[in-house]
Amino acid sequence: MRKLREILQHFLRRLRQTPLLLGWLLLGPLVALLTEGWLALAFGLVNVLLLGVYAVLLHWMTPDPPGPLPVKRPRLELAMALALFIMFLITQMLAFDVWTAQPWHGWVHSLSVFTYQTAYSAPGLPNWARQDVYLALSSTLKQLLPTLLLFWGLGYRRTAMGLRHPHWRLTTVLVSSTAAFGLLTGVLLRAPLGQALGLYAIGILVNALPEELFFRGLLLPRLEKALGNPLNALVVSALLFNALHIPIEIYNGASPLAALLGVFSIGYPSGLLWGYLYLRTRSILPGTFWHAANGNLGFLMMSV
């Protein structure tokens, strides 16, 4: 109990030192109410509570977090990371027909057709895996490879990218908690176990590794250097993570205004969780495995 009390006191101090995070935690549920209604507000409040529970667990299981990984040229590298983010956002807008300017829309469409044909014509691939393999190929080409190329161009290798200690004990607890939630909600029972595990493995390349490598491995450490406060950097990186999903929200029927406001919603604050996990481990691997579990094995939090 004493250790738990010390952890809670630590979080209260950090919240007072980080008004950006405190403001988002207070205003985020109201944004969820405006954009998605009362049920989203209720779930948002539950998720803020779950966010605190997860944060205490992560702090508890990582008593001696390593220091930041080296960043050679913080300002230049942050500018390049933000430029890459803008490229990703434009690509998403083109891919989901939010912006149809030519010839760029045609190029992105051609890439989508290529990856689709590759996945659906691959011999021996089970039908249940083809759609996710298509998404994995698409994410690899559009996001993972550009991020890797930027890292390599800047002179960084595996460890400096956050591809280091996987913290297996912590990772197992996090993935197992998501799978347990999946059992309770029936997500994990939608398909045979072997198929669910196969989709989980493919999901590592669908969104988990590409997003963790960019947002937590590349962007977050450079924001941390620029802002001087890791929790401020965490908030900004999580907001940008939400912003990358604006085109998907519009494609799924949300108005542009609702999609933009949704960036500031705390309805499903997974970006905060995965970012805090990175700050406690300085590795993207635990977040990658946990990220892939979300949706494939279960859910981290409550969702409308």
C-alpha atoms as a PDB file:
ATOM      1  CA  MET A   1       0.000   0.000   0.000  1.00  0.00           C
ATOM      2  CA  ARG A   2       2.844   2.364   0.724  1.00  0.00           C
ATOM      3  CA  LYS A   3       4.275   1.883  -2.749  1.00  0.00           C
ATOM      4  CA  LEU A   4       0.863   2.440  -4.311  1.00  0.00           C
ATOM      5  CA  ARG A   5       0.434   5.642  -2.314  1.00  0.00           C
ATOM      6  CA  GLU A   6       3.846   6.862  -3.472  1.00  0.00           C
ATOM      7  CA  ILE A   7       2.947   6.145  -7.110  1.00  0.00           C
ATOM      8  CA  LEU A   8      -0.339   8.042  -6.803  1.00  0.00           C
ATOM      9  CA  GLN A   9       1.439  10.993  -5.193  1.00  0.00           C
ATOM     10  CA  HIS A  10       3.964  10.932  -8.042  1.00  0.00           C
ATOM     11  CA  PHE A  11       1.172  11.124 -10.629  1.00  0.00           C
ATOM     12  CA  LEU A  12      -0.546  13.987  -8.805  1.00  0.00           C
ATOM     13  CA  ARG A  13       2.712  15.968  -8.786  1.00  0.00           C
ATOM     14  CA  ARG A  14       3.292  15.328 -12.475  1.00  0.00           C
ATOM     15  CA  LEU A  15      -0.268  16.363 -13.341  1.00  0.00           C
ATOM     16  CA  ARG A  16       0.223  19.676 -11.541  1.00  0.00           C
ATOM     17  CA  GLN A  17       3.459  20.138 -13.505  1.00  0.00           C
ATOM     18  CA  THR A  18       1.783  19.274 -16.834  1.00  0.00           C
ATOM     19  CA  PRO A  19      -1.353  21.407 -17.353  1.00  0.00           C
ATOM     20  CA  LEU A  20      -1.499  20.246 -20.981  1.00  0.00           C
ATOM     21  CA  LEU A  21      -2.219  16.696 -19.846  1.00  0.00           C
ATOM     22  CA  LEU A  22      -4.552  17.771 -17.044  1.00  0.00           C
ATOM     23  CA  GLY A  23      -6.499  19.992 -19.425  1.00  0.00           C
ATOM     24  CA  TRP A  24      -6.945  17.171 -21.929  1.00  0.00           C
ATOM     25  CA  LEU A  25      -8.114  14.754 -19.236  1.00  0.00           C
ATOM     26  CA  LEU A  26     -10.709  17.313 -18.108  1.00  0.00           C
ATOM     27  CA  LEU A  27     -11.887  18.558 -21.513  1.00  0.00           C
ATOM     28  CA  GLY A  28     -11.547  15.291 -23.443  1.00  0.00           C
ATOM     29  CA  PRO A  29     -14.722  13.687 -22.054  1.00  0.00           C
ATOM     30  CA  LEU A  30     -16.722  16.809 -22.971  1.00  0.00           C
ATOM     31  CA  VAL A  31     -15.452  16.557 -26.535  1.00  0.00           C
ATOM     32  CA  ALA A  32     -16.538  12.907 -26.557  1.00  0.00           C
ATOM     33  CA  LEU A  33     -20.013  14.082 -25.485  1.00  0.00           C
ATOM     34  CA  LEU A  34     -20.175  16.692 -28.260  1.00  0.00           C
ATOM     35  CA  THR A  35     -18.983  14.360 -31.009  1.00  0.00           C
ATOM     36  CA  GLU A  36     -20.550  11.015 -30.049  1.00  0.00           C
ATOM     37  CA  GLY A  37     -23.157  11.563 -27.342  1.00  0.00           C
ATOM     38  CA  TRP A  38     -23.822  10.588 -23.752  1.00  0.00           C
ATOM     39  CA  LEU A  39     -22.693   6.980 -24.134  1.00  0.00           C
ATOM     40  CA  ALA A  40     -19.315   8.180 -25.391  1.00  0.00           C
ATOM     41  CA  LEU A  41     -19.090  10.516 -22.388  1.00  0.00           C
ATOM     42  CA  ALA A  42     -19.779   7.627 -20.010  1.00  0.00           C
ATOM     43  CA  PHE A  43     -17.220   5.422 -21.742  1.00  0.00           C
ATOM     44  CA  GLY A  44     -14.754   8.315 -21.824  1.00  0.00           C
ATOM     45  CA  LEU A  45     -14.985   8.753 -18.064  1.00  0.00           C
ATOM     46  CA  VAL A  46     -14.531   5.008 -17.563  1.00  0.00           C
ATOM     47  CA  ASN A  47     -11.543   5.113 -19.897  1.00  0.00           C
ATOM     48  CA  VAL A  48      -9.938   7.962 -17.951  1.00  0.00           C
ATOM     49  CA  LEU A  49     -10.206   5.723 -14.896  1.00  0.00           C
ATOM     50  CA  LEU A  50      -8.771   2.778 -16.830  1.00  0.00           C
ATOM     51  CA  LEU A  51      -5.995   5.045 -18.080  1.00  0.00           C
ATOM     52  CA  GLY A  52      -5.044   5.711 -14.480  1.00  0.00           C
ATOM     53  CA  VAL A  53      -5.143   2.012 -13.612  1.00  0.00           C
ATOM     54  CA  TYR A  54      -2.903   1.136 -16.563  1.00  0.00           C
ATOM     55  CA  ALA A  55      -0.527   3.999 -15.713  1.00  0.00           C
ATOM     56  CA  VAL A  56      -0.162   2.746 -12.127  1.00  0.00           C
ATOM     57  CA  LEU A  57       0.448  -0.786 -13.428  1.00  0.00           C
ATOM     58  CA  LEU A  58       3.111   0.402 -15.882  1.00  0.00           C
ATOM     59  CA  HIS A  59       4.812   2.496 -13.204  1.00  0.00           C
ATOM     60  CA  TRP A  60       4.664  -0.413 -10.752  1.00  0.00           C
ATOM     61  CA  MET A  61       6.193  -2.914 -13.179  1.00  0.00           C
ATOM     62  CA  THR A  62       8.946  -0.568 -14.394  1.00  0.00           C
ATOM     63  CA  PRO A  63      10.469   0.755 -11.152  1.00  0.00           C
ATOM     64  CA  ASP A  64      13.762   1.764 -12.813  1.00  0.00           C
ATOM     65  CA  PRO A  65      12.952   3.147 -16.276  1.00  0.00           C
ATOM     66  CA  PRO A  66      15.949   3.716 -18.550  1.00  0.00           C
ATOM     67  CA  GLY A  67      16.932   7.206 -19.615  1.00  0.00           C
ATOM     68  CA  PRO A  68      16.059   8.718 -23.002  1.00  0.00           C
ATOM     69  CA  LEU A  69      17.718   7.301 -26.088  1.00  0.00           C
ATOM     70  CA  PRO A  70      20.230   9.629 -27.773  1.00  0.00           C
ATOM     71  CA  VAL A  71      18.946  12.156 -30.311  1.00  0.00           C
ATOM     72  CA  LYS A  72      21.717  13.644 -32.444  1.00  0.00           C
ATOM     73  CA  ARG A  73      20.047  16.734 -33.959  1.00  0.00           C
ATOM     74  CA  PRO A  74      16.778  17.309 -32.046  1.00  0.00           C
ATOM     75  CA  ARG A  75      15.355  20.301 -33.952  1.00  0.00           C
ATOM     76  CA  LEU A  76      16.272  19.098 -37.430  1.00  0.00           C
ATOM     77  CA  GLU A  77      15.043  15.579 -36.731  1.00  0.00           C
ATOM     78  CA  LEU A  78      11.782  16.850 -35.227  1.00  0.00           C
ATOM     79  CA  ALA A  79      11.186  18.972 -38.316  1.00  0.00           C
ATOM     80  CA  MET A  80      11.824  15.954 -40.543  1.00  0.00           C
ATOM     81  CA  ALA A  81       9.542  13.757 -38.415  1.00  0.00           C
ATOM     82  CA  LEU A  82       6.740  16.348 -38.647  1.00  0.00           C
ATOM     83  CA  ALA A  83       7.238  16.589 -42.416  1.00  0.00           C
ATOM     84  CA  LEU A  84       6.925  12.795 -42.600  1.00  0.00           C
ATOM     85  CA  PHE A  85       3.749  12.999 -40.491  1.00  0.00           C
ATOM     86  CA  ILE A  86       2.263  15.502 -42.955  1.00  0.00           C
ATOM     87  CA  MET A  87       3.118  13.128 -45.785  1.00  0.00           C
ATOM     88  CA  PHE A  88       1.382  10.272 -43.948  1.00  0.00           C
ATOM     89  CA  LEU A  89      -1.694  12.437 -43.327  1.00  0.00           C
ATOM     90  CA  ILE A  90      -1.911  13.475 -46.990  1.00  0.00           C
ATOM     91  CA  THR A  91      -1.496   9.847 -48.047  1.00  0.00           C
ATOM     92  CA  GLN A  92      -4.360   8.861 -45.727  1.00  0.00           C
ATOM     93  CA  MET A  93      -6.523  11.627 -47.184  1.00  0.00           C
ATOM     94  CA  LEU A  94      -5.812  10.347 -50.685  1.00  0.00           C
ATOM     95  CA  ALA A  95      -6.261   6.685 -49.738  1.00  0.00           C
ATOM     96  CA  PHE A  96      -9.678   7.305 -48.133  1.00  0.00           C
ATOM     97  CA  ASP A  97     -10.881   9.657 -50.902  1.00  0.00           C
ATOM     98  CA  VAL A  98     -11.019  12.695 -48.614  1.00  0.00           C
ATOM     99  CA  TRP A  99      -8.813  14.477 -51.148  1.00  0.00           C
ATOM    100  CA  THR A 100      -8.880  13.410 -54.785  1.00  0.00           C
ATOM    101  CA  ALA A 101      -6.331  15.758 -56.351  1.00  0.00           C
ATOM    102  CA  GLN A 102      -4.517  14.291 -59.339  1.00  0.00           C
ATOM    103  CA  PRO A 103      -2.069  12.810 -60.058  1.00  0.00           C
ATOM    104  CA  TRP A 104      -1.429  11.976 -56.379  1.00  0.00           C
ATOM    105  CA  HIS A 105      -4.797  10.299 -55.824  1.00  0.00           C
ATOM    106  CA  GLY A 106      -4.152   8.098 -58.834  1.00  0.00           C
ATOM    107  CA  TRP A 107      -0.718   7.096 -57.534  1.00  0.00           C
ATOM    108  CA  VAL A 108      -2.072   6.126 -54.113  1.00  0.00           C
ATOM    109  CA  HIS A 109      -4.964   4.262 -55.753  1.00  0.00           C
ATOM    110  CA  SER A 110      -2.504   2.360 -57.965  1.00  0.00           C
ATOM    111  CA  LEU A 111      -0.474   1.382 -54.901  1.00  0.00           C
ATOM    112  CA  SER A 112      -3.640   0.149 -53.204  1.00  0.00           C
ATOM    113  CA  VAL A 113      -4.574  -1.906 -56.270  1.00  0.00           C
ATOM    114  CA  PHE A 114      -1.075  -3.408 -56.381  1.00  0.00           C
ATOM    115  CA  THR A 115      -1.088  -4.448 -52.719  1.00  0.00           C
ATOM    116  CA  TYR A 116      -4.669  -5.747 -52.999  1.00  0.00           C
ATOM    117  CA  GLN A 117      -3.845  -7.912 -56.021  1.00  0.00           C
ATOM    118  CA  THR A 118      -0.677  -9.177 -54.342  1.00  0.00           C
ATOM    119  CA  ALA A 119      -2.543 -10.263 -51.213  1.00  0.00           C
ATOM    120  CA  TYR A 120      -5.527 -11.790 -52.989  1.00  0.00           C
ATOM    121  CA  SER A 121      -3.453 -13.697 -55.557  1.00  0.00           C
ATOM    122  CA  ALA A 122      -0.877 -15.083 -53.108  1.00  0.00           C
ATOM    123  CA  PRO A 123      -0.954 -18.903 -53.343  1.00  0.00           C
ATOM    124  CA  GLY A 124      -1.656 -20.862 -50.174  1.00  0.00           C
ATOM    125  CA  LEU A 125      -2.847 -17.865 -48.179  1.00  0.00           C
ATOM    126  CA  PRO A 126      -6.105 -18.647 -46.329  1.00  0.00           C
ATOM    127  CA  ASN A 127      -9.067 -16.519 -47.300  1.00  0.00           C
ATOM    128  CA  TRP A 128      -9.557 -15.209 -43.763  1.00  0.00           C
ATOM    129  CA  ALA A 129      -6.050 -13.704 -43.830  1.00  0.00           C
ATOM    130  CA  ARG A 130      -6.097 -11.990 -47.233  1.00  0.00           C
ATOM    131  CA  GLN A 131      -7.715  -8.700 -46.202  1.00  0.00           C
ATOM    132  CA  ASP A 132      -5.344  -8.243 -43.274  1.00  0.00           C
ATOM    133  CA  VAL A 133      -2.323  -9.202 -45.385  1.00  0.00           C
ATOM    134  CA  TYR A 134      -3.412  -6.538 -47.888  1.00  0.00           C
ATOM    135  CA  LEU A 135      -3.602  -3.967 -45.066  1.00  0.00           C
ATOM    136  CA  ALA A 136      -0.222  -5.099 -43.732  1.00  0.00           C
ATOM    137  CA  LEU A 137       1.408  -4.699 -47.147  1.00  0.00           C
ATOM    138  CA  SER A 138      -0.197  -1.291 -47.567  1.00  0.00           C
ATOM    139  CA  SER A 139       0.953  -0.049 -44.139  1.00  0.00           C
ATOM    140  CA  THR A 140       4.452  -1.398 -44.713  1.00  0.00           C
ATOM    141  CA  LEU A 141       4.841   0.472 -47.995  1.00  0.00           C
ATOM    142  CA  LYS A 142       3.106   3.699 -46.955  1.00  0.00           C
ATOM    143  CA  GLN A 143       4.364   4.131 -43.381  1.00  0.00           C
ATOM    144  CA  LEU A 144       6.823   1.540 -42.076  1.00  0.00           C
ATOM    145  CA  LEU A 145       9.412   1.724 -44.877  1.00  0.00           C
ATOM    146  CA  PRO A 146       9.481   5.581 -45.015  1.00  0.00           C
ATOM    147  CA  THR A 147      10.035   5.695 -41.234  1.00  0.00           C
ATOM    148  CA  LEU A 148      12.822   3.124 -41.444  1.00  0.00           C
ATOM    149  CA  LEU A 149      14.446   5.001 -44.327  1.00  0.00           C
ATOM    150  CA  LEU A 150      14.389   8.242 -42.324  1.00  0.00           C
ATOM    151  CA  PHE A 151      15.956   6.512 -39.324  1.00  0.00           C
ATOM    152  CA  TRP A 152      18.664   4.972 -41.491  1.00  0.00           C
ATOM    153  CA  GLY A 153      19.277   8.258 -43.312  1.00  0.00           C
ATOM    154  CA  LEU A 154      19.796   9.977 -39.958  1.00  0.00           C
ATOM    155  CA  GLY A 155      22.349   7.346 -38.990  1.00  0.00           C
ATOM    156  CA  TYR A 156      20.302   5.397 -36.429  1.00  0.00           C
ATOM    157  CA  ARG A 157      20.190   1.647 -36.102  1.00  0.00           C
ATOM    158  CA  ARG A 158      17.971  -0.868 -34.321  1.00  0.00           C
ATOM    159  CA  THR A 159      18.531   0.031 -30.650  1.00  0.00           C
ATOM    160  CA  ALA A 160      18.238   3.788 -31.238  1.00  0.00           C
ATOM    161  CA  MET A 161      14.881   3.185 -32.956  1.00  0.00           C
ATOM    162  CA  GLY A 162      13.484   1.650 -29.773  1.00  0.00           C
ATOM    163  CA  LEU A 163      13.760  -1.897 -31.126  1.00  0.00           C
ATOM    164  CA  ARG A 164      15.282  -3.123 -27.893  1.00  0.00           C
ATOM    165  CA  HIS A 165      14.374  -4.977 -24.694  1.00  0.00           C
ATOM    166  CA  PRO A 166      10.827  -6.423 -25.165  1.00  0.00           C
ATOM    167  CA  HIS A 167      10.119  -6.579 -21.381  1.00  0.00           C
ATOM    168  CA  TRP A 168       8.413  -9.935 -21.789  1.00  0.00           C
ATOM    169  CA  ARG A 169       6.871 -10.055 -18.303  1.00  0.00           C
ATOM    170  CA  LEU A 170       5.215  -6.665 -18.693  1.00  0.00           C
ATOM    171  CA  THR A 171       4.229  -7.362 -22.306  1.00  0.00           C
ATOM    172  CA  THR A 172       2.617 -10.674 -21.326  1.00  0.00           C
ATOM    173  CA  VAL A 173       0.568  -8.992 -18.594  1.00  0.00           C
ATOM    174  CA  LEU A 174      -0.644  -6.257 -20.965  1.00  0.00           C
ATOM    175  CA  VAL A 175      -1.513  -8.557 -23.865  1.00  0.00           C
ATOM    176  CA  SER A 176      -3.179 -11.029 -21.485  1.00  0.00           C
ATOM    177  CA  SER A 177      -5.319  -8.277 -19.948  1.00  0.00           C
ATOM    178  CA  THR A 178      -6.512  -7.276 -23.427  1.00  0.00           C
ATOM    179  CA  ALA A 179      -7.219 -10.907 -24.326  1.00  0.00           C
ATOM    180  CA  ALA A 180      -9.185 -11.296 -21.071  1.00  0.00           C
ATOM    181  CA  PHE A 181     -11.271  -8.281 -22.072  1.00  0.00           C
ATOM    182  CA  GLY A 182     -11.701  -9.982 -25.438  1.00  0.00           C
ATOM    183  CA  LEU A 183     -13.095 -13.088 -23.767  1.00  0.00           C
ATOM    184  CA  LEU A 184     -15.547 -11.026 -21.713  1.00  0.00           C
ATOM    185  CA  THR A 185     -16.797  -9.075 -24.756  1.00  0.00           C
ATOM    186  CA  GLY A 186     -16.726 -12.035 -27.161  1.00  0.00           C
ATOM    187  CA  VAL A 187     -14.116 -10.502 -29.470  1.00  0.00           C
ATOM    188  CA  LEU A 188     -11.724 -13.395 -28.912  1.00  0.00           C
ATOM    189  CA  LEU A 189     -14.503 -15.912 -29.619  1.00  0.00           C
ATOM    190  CA  ARG A 190     -15.435 -14.604 -33.073  1.00  0.00           C
ATOM    191  CA  ALA A 191     -13.026 -17.014 -34.786  1.00  0.00           C
ATOM    192  CA  PRO A 192     -11.066 -20.186 -33.963  1.00  0.00           C
ATOM    193  CA  LEU A 193      -8.082 -19.538 -31.694  1.00  0.00           C
ATOM    194  CA  GLY A 194      -5.527 -20.325 -34.431  1.00  0.00           C
ATOM    195  CA  GLN A 195      -7.173 -17.831 -36.773  1.00  0.00           C
ATOM    196  CA  ALA A 196      -7.299 -15.168 -34.039  1.00  0.00           C
ATOM    197  CA  LEU A 197      -3.599 -15.649 -33.299  1.00  0.00           C
ATOM    198  CA  GLY A 198      -2.807 -15.507 -37.020  1.00  0.00           C
ATOM    199  CA  LEU A 199      -4.643 -12.213 -37.400  1.00  0.00           C
ATOM    200  CA  TYR A 200      -2.853 -10.942 -34.296  1.00  0.00           C
ATOM    201  CA  ALA A 201       0.515 -11.744 -35.884  1.00  0.00           C
ATOM    202  CA  ILE A 202      -0.455 -10.051 -39.155  1.00  0.00           C
ATOM    203  CA  GLY A 203      -1.817  -7.101 -37.161  1.00  0.00           C
ATOM    204  CA  ILE A 204       1.712  -6.314 -36.000  1.00  0.00           C
ATOM    205  CA  LEU A 205       2.345  -5.010 -39.526  1.00  0.00           C
ATOM    206  CA  VAL A 206      -1.162  -3.654 -40.162  1.00  0.00           C
ATOM    207  CA  ASN A 207      -0.834  -0.796 -37.697  1.00  0.00           C
ATOM    208  CA  ALA A 208       1.113  -1.779 -34.572  1.00  0.00           C
ATOM    209  CA  LEU A 209       4.738  -1.689 -35.723  1.00  0.00           C
ATOM    210  CA  PRO A 210       4.336   1.125 -38.303  1.00  0.00           C
ATOM    211  CA  GLU A 211       2.570   3.402 -35.810  1.00  0.00           C
ATOM    212  CA  GLU A 212       4.716   2.534 -32.789  1.00  0.00           C
ATOM    213  CA  LEU A 213       7.933   3.009 -34.745  1.00  0.00           C
ATOM    214  CA  PHE A 214       6.881   6.433 -36.003  1.00  0.00           C
ATOM    215  CA  PHE A 215       4.881   7.941 -33.119  1.00  0.00           C
ATOM    216  CA  ARG A 216       6.727   6.430 -30.184  1.00  0.00           C
ATOM    217  CA  GLY A 217      10.119   5.505 -31.645  1.00  0.00           C
ATOM    218  CA  LEU A 218      10.718   8.589 -33.818  1.00  0.00           C
ATOM    219  CA  LEU A 219       8.359  11.442 -32.918  1.00  0.00           C
ATOM    220  CA  LEU A 220       7.974  11.195 -29.128  1.00  0.00           C
ATOM    221  CA  PRO A 221      11.699  11.314 -28.191  1.00  0.00           C
ATOM    222  CA  ARG A 222      12.252  14.360 -30.408  1.00  0.00           C
ATOM    223  CA  LEU A 223       9.204  16.154 -29.008  1.00  0.00           C
ATOM    224  CA  GLU A 224      10.564  15.345 -25.559  1.00  0.00           C
ATOM    225  CA  LYS A 225      13.846  17.072 -26.392  1.00  0.00           C
ATOM    226  CA  ALA A 226      12.074  20.088 -27.892  1.00  0.00           C
ATOM    227  CA  LEU A 227       9.490  20.572 -25.122  1.00  0.00           C
ATOM    228  CA  GLY A 228      11.624  19.583 -22.136  1.00  0.00           C
ATOM    229  CA  ASN A 229       8.717  17.808 -20.414  1.00  0.00           C
ATOM    230  CA  PRO A 230       8.115  14.161 -21.364  1.00  0.00           C
ATOM    231  CA  LEU A 231       4.418  14.341 -20.449  1.00  0.00           C
ATOM    232  CA  ASN A 232       3.878  17.422 -22.635  1.00  0.00           C
ATOM    233  CA  ALA A 233       5.605  15.528 -25.432  1.00  0.00           C
ATOM    234  CA  LEU A 234       3.366  12.542 -24.688  1.00  0.00           C
ATOM    235  CA  VAL A 235       0.214  14.664 -25.075  1.00  0.00           C
ATOM    236  CA  VAL A 236       1.354  16.231 -28.360  1.00  0.00           C
ATOM    237  CA  SER A 237       2.364  12.872 -29.832  1.00  0.00           C
ATOM    238  CA  ALA A 238      -0.980  11.341 -28.778  1.00  0.00           C
ATOM    239  CA  LEU A 239      -2.916  14.232 -30.371  1.00  0.00           C
ATOM    240  CA  LEU A 240      -0.970  13.802 -33.617  1.00  0.00           C
ATOM    241  CA  PHE A 241      -1.641  10.063 -33.436  1.00  0.00           C
ATOM    242  CA  ASN A 242      -5.372  10.854 -33.222  1.00  0.00           C
ATOM    243  CA  ALA A 243      -5.061  13.362 -36.067  1.00  0.00           C
ATOM    244  CA  LEU A 244      -3.701  10.711 -38.432  1.00  0.00           C
ATOM    245  CA  HIS A 245      -7.055   8.931 -38.106  1.00  0.00           C
ATOM    246  CA  ILE A 246      -9.126  11.938 -39.262  1.00  0.00           C
ATOM    247  CA  PRO A 247      -9.406  10.650 -42.881  1.00  0.00           C
ATOM    248  CA  ILE A 248     -10.609   7.245 -41.650  1.00  0.00           C
ATOM    249  CA  GLU A 249     -13.274   8.896 -39.478  1.00  0.00           C
ATOM    250  CA  ILE A 250     -14.502  10.983 -42.431  1.00  0.00           C
ATOM    251  CA  TYR A 251     -14.507   7.902 -44.662  1.00  0.00           C
ATOM    252  CA  ASN A 252     -16.629   6.110 -42.039  1.00  0.00           C
ATOM    253  CA  GLY A 253     -19.245   8.864 -42.131  1.00  0.00           C
ATOM    254  CA  ALA A 254     -18.129  11.508 -39.639  1.00  0.00           C
ATOM    255  CA  SER A 255     -18.328  15.144 -40.688  1.00  0.00           C
ATOM    256  CA  PRO A 256     -14.970  16.923 -41.076  1.00  0.00           C
ATOM    257  CA  LEU A 257     -15.752  19.045 -37.996  1.00  0.00           C
ATOM    258  CA  ALA A 258     -16.649  16.003 -35.882  1.00  0.00           C
ATOM    259  CA  ALA A 259     -13.501  14.195 -37.067  1.00  0.00           C
ATOM    260  CA  LEU A 260     -11.361  17.219 -36.208  1.00  0.00           C
ATOM    261  CA  LEU A 261     -12.954  17.584 -32.760  1.00  0.00           C
ATOM    262  CA  GLY A 262     -12.459  13.859 -32.243  1.00  0.00           C
ATOM    263  CA  VAL A 263      -8.717  14.456 -32.146  1.00  0.00           C
ATOM    264  CA  PHE A 264      -9.240  16.094 -28.741  1.00  0.00           C
ATOM    265  CA  SER A 265     -11.616  13.439 -27.429  1.00  0.00           C
ATOM    266  CA  ILE A 266     -10.456  11.260 -24.563  1.00  0.00           C
ATOM    267  CA  GLY A 267     -12.960   8.594 -25.589  1.00  0.00           C
ATOM    268  CA  TYR A 268     -10.259   6.029 -26.388  1.00  0.00           C
ATOM    269  CA  PRO A 269      -6.881   7.401 -25.225  1.00  0.00           C
ATOM    270  CA  SER A 270      -4.719   4.557 -26.505  1.00  0.00           C
ATOM    271  CA  GLY A 271      -2.047   6.970 -27.778  1.00  0.00           C
ATOM    272  CA  LEU A 272      -1.441   8.162 -24.223  1.00  0.00           C
ATOM    273  CA  LEU A 273      -1.101   4.590 -23.005  1.00  0.00           C
ATOM    274  CA  TRP A 274       1.309   3.412 -25.681  1.00  0.00           C
ATOM    275  CA  GLY A 275       3.328   6.612 -25.343  1.00  0.00           C
ATOM    276  CA  TYR A 276       3.601   6.268 -21.565  1.00  0.00           C
ATOM    277  CA  LEU A 277       4.614   2.637 -22.012  1.00  0.00           C
ATOM    278  CA  TYR A 278       7.441   3.834 -24.255  1.00  0.00           C
ATOM    279  CA  LEU A 279       8.560   6.424 -21.697  1.00  0.00           C
ATOM    280  CA  ARG A 280       8.730   3.728 -19.015  1.00  0.00           C
ATOM    281  CA  THR A 281      10.630   1.190 -21.152  1.00  0.00           C
ATOM    282  CA  ARG A 282      12.302   3.221 -23.958  1.00  0.00           C
ATOM    283  CA  SER A 283      11.329   0.330 -26.208  1.00  0.00           C
ATOM    284  CA  ILE A 284       8.607   0.180 -28.857  1.00  0.00           C
ATOM    285  CA  LEU A 285       8.318  -3.610 -28.660  1.00  0.00           C
ATOM    286  CA  PRO A 286       5.960  -3.859 -25.654  1.00  0.00           C
ATOM    287  CA  GLY A 287       3.714  -1.233 -27.243  1.00  0.00           C
ATOM    288  CA  THR A 288       3.845  -3.030 -30.602  1.00  0.00           C
ATOM    289  CA  PHE A 289       2.669  -6.341 -29.150  1.00  0.00           C
ATOM    290  CA  TRP A 290       0.016  -4.620 -27.002  1.00  0.00           C
ATOM    291  CA  HIS A 291      -1.119  -2.432 -29.911  1.00  0.00           C
ATOM    292  CA  ALA A 292      -1.591  -5.465 -32.159  1.00  0.00           C
ATOM    293  CA  ALA A 293      -3.730  -7.128 -29.471  1.00  0.00           C
ATOM    294  CA  ASN A 294      -6.181  -4.211 -29.542  1.00  0.00           C
ATOM    295  CA  GLY A 295      -8.955  -5.248 -31.898  1.00  0.00           C
ATOM    296  CA  ASN A 296      -7.479  -8.652 -32.742  1.00  0.00           C
ATOM    297  CA  LEU A 297      -7.545 -10.281 -29.300  1.00  0.00           C
ATOM    298  CA  GLY A 298      -9.714  -7.808 -27.390  1.00  0.00           C
ATOM    299  CA  PHE A 299      -9.838  -4.152 -26.467  1.00  0.00           C
ATOM    300  CA  LEU A 300      -7.807  -1.991 -24.109  1.00  0.00           C
ATOM    301  CA  MET A 301     -10.814   0.095 -23.104  1.00  0.00           C
ATOM    302  CA  MET A 302     -14.521   0.693 -23.548  1.00  0.00           C
ATOM    303  CA  SER A 303     -15.610   1.858 -26.998  1.00  0.00           C
ATOM    304  CA  VAL A 304     -18.881   2.955 -28.559  1.00  0.00           C
END
